[in-house]
Amino acid sequence: MTDDPVDKAISLLNAALALDPRAITDLVNMRVKCNKDLANHPTIQSGQYQDVYRVGFLGLMNGALSDSPTGVIGAEGPMDETTGHFIKIKRFIDLRRERLDVLT
């Protein structure tokens, strides 16, 4: 196994996904309200939905593992076009190698 923290995180996330895909998909889909200070953090990814700032698990993980505002860990899987949530995550990917974002 590599010593790269991003590789380790992706390996763990994919192992957890294999054990309980529903729980991990639900966790990644969860977004909680946050204040503007957190939303403006340079590496923690967050979004604004109708005047409410929200942050999620992957946004926080990406902030912890990278100094890139676009993040280094992404997820693949079909998405619900109405909600923007994953229906089922297929796998987590290294965005340094695969620039898919959150597609397919």
Foldseek 3Di string as FASTA:
>chain_A
DDPQPVVVVQVVLQVVCVVPFVVSLVQQQDWDFDDVVVCPPQQQHWDADPNTIIGGDQSVVQSVRDNHNLGFKAWEADADPVSRGHPTTPGIDGCVVPVPHYYD
